[in-house]
Amino acid sequence: MRQTSTVKRTSAKTSTPKNRFETPLAQTTYSKEDYIQKVKETAYELFIARGCAHGYDVEDWLAAEQIVKGS
């Protein structure tokens, strides 16, 4: 007869970000200055990727924030 053991599984404790600059996915914490710099760089990369088309600065910034928060 085969003996089986029962393992109690506990849910992983999820941490709440301490501030809006800490991303829960990657657990990367940026200073405010580093966060803004990273968003600027990412927004510029999005601008370049679109072929330098003007008029999408707000969309680029918001998309860059989401990318930086999710990285």
Foldseek 3Di string as FASTA:
>chain_A
DDDDDDDDDDDDDQDDDPDQQQARQVRDHDDPVRLVVQLVVQLVVVCVVVVVDPDCSVVSSVVSNVVNSND
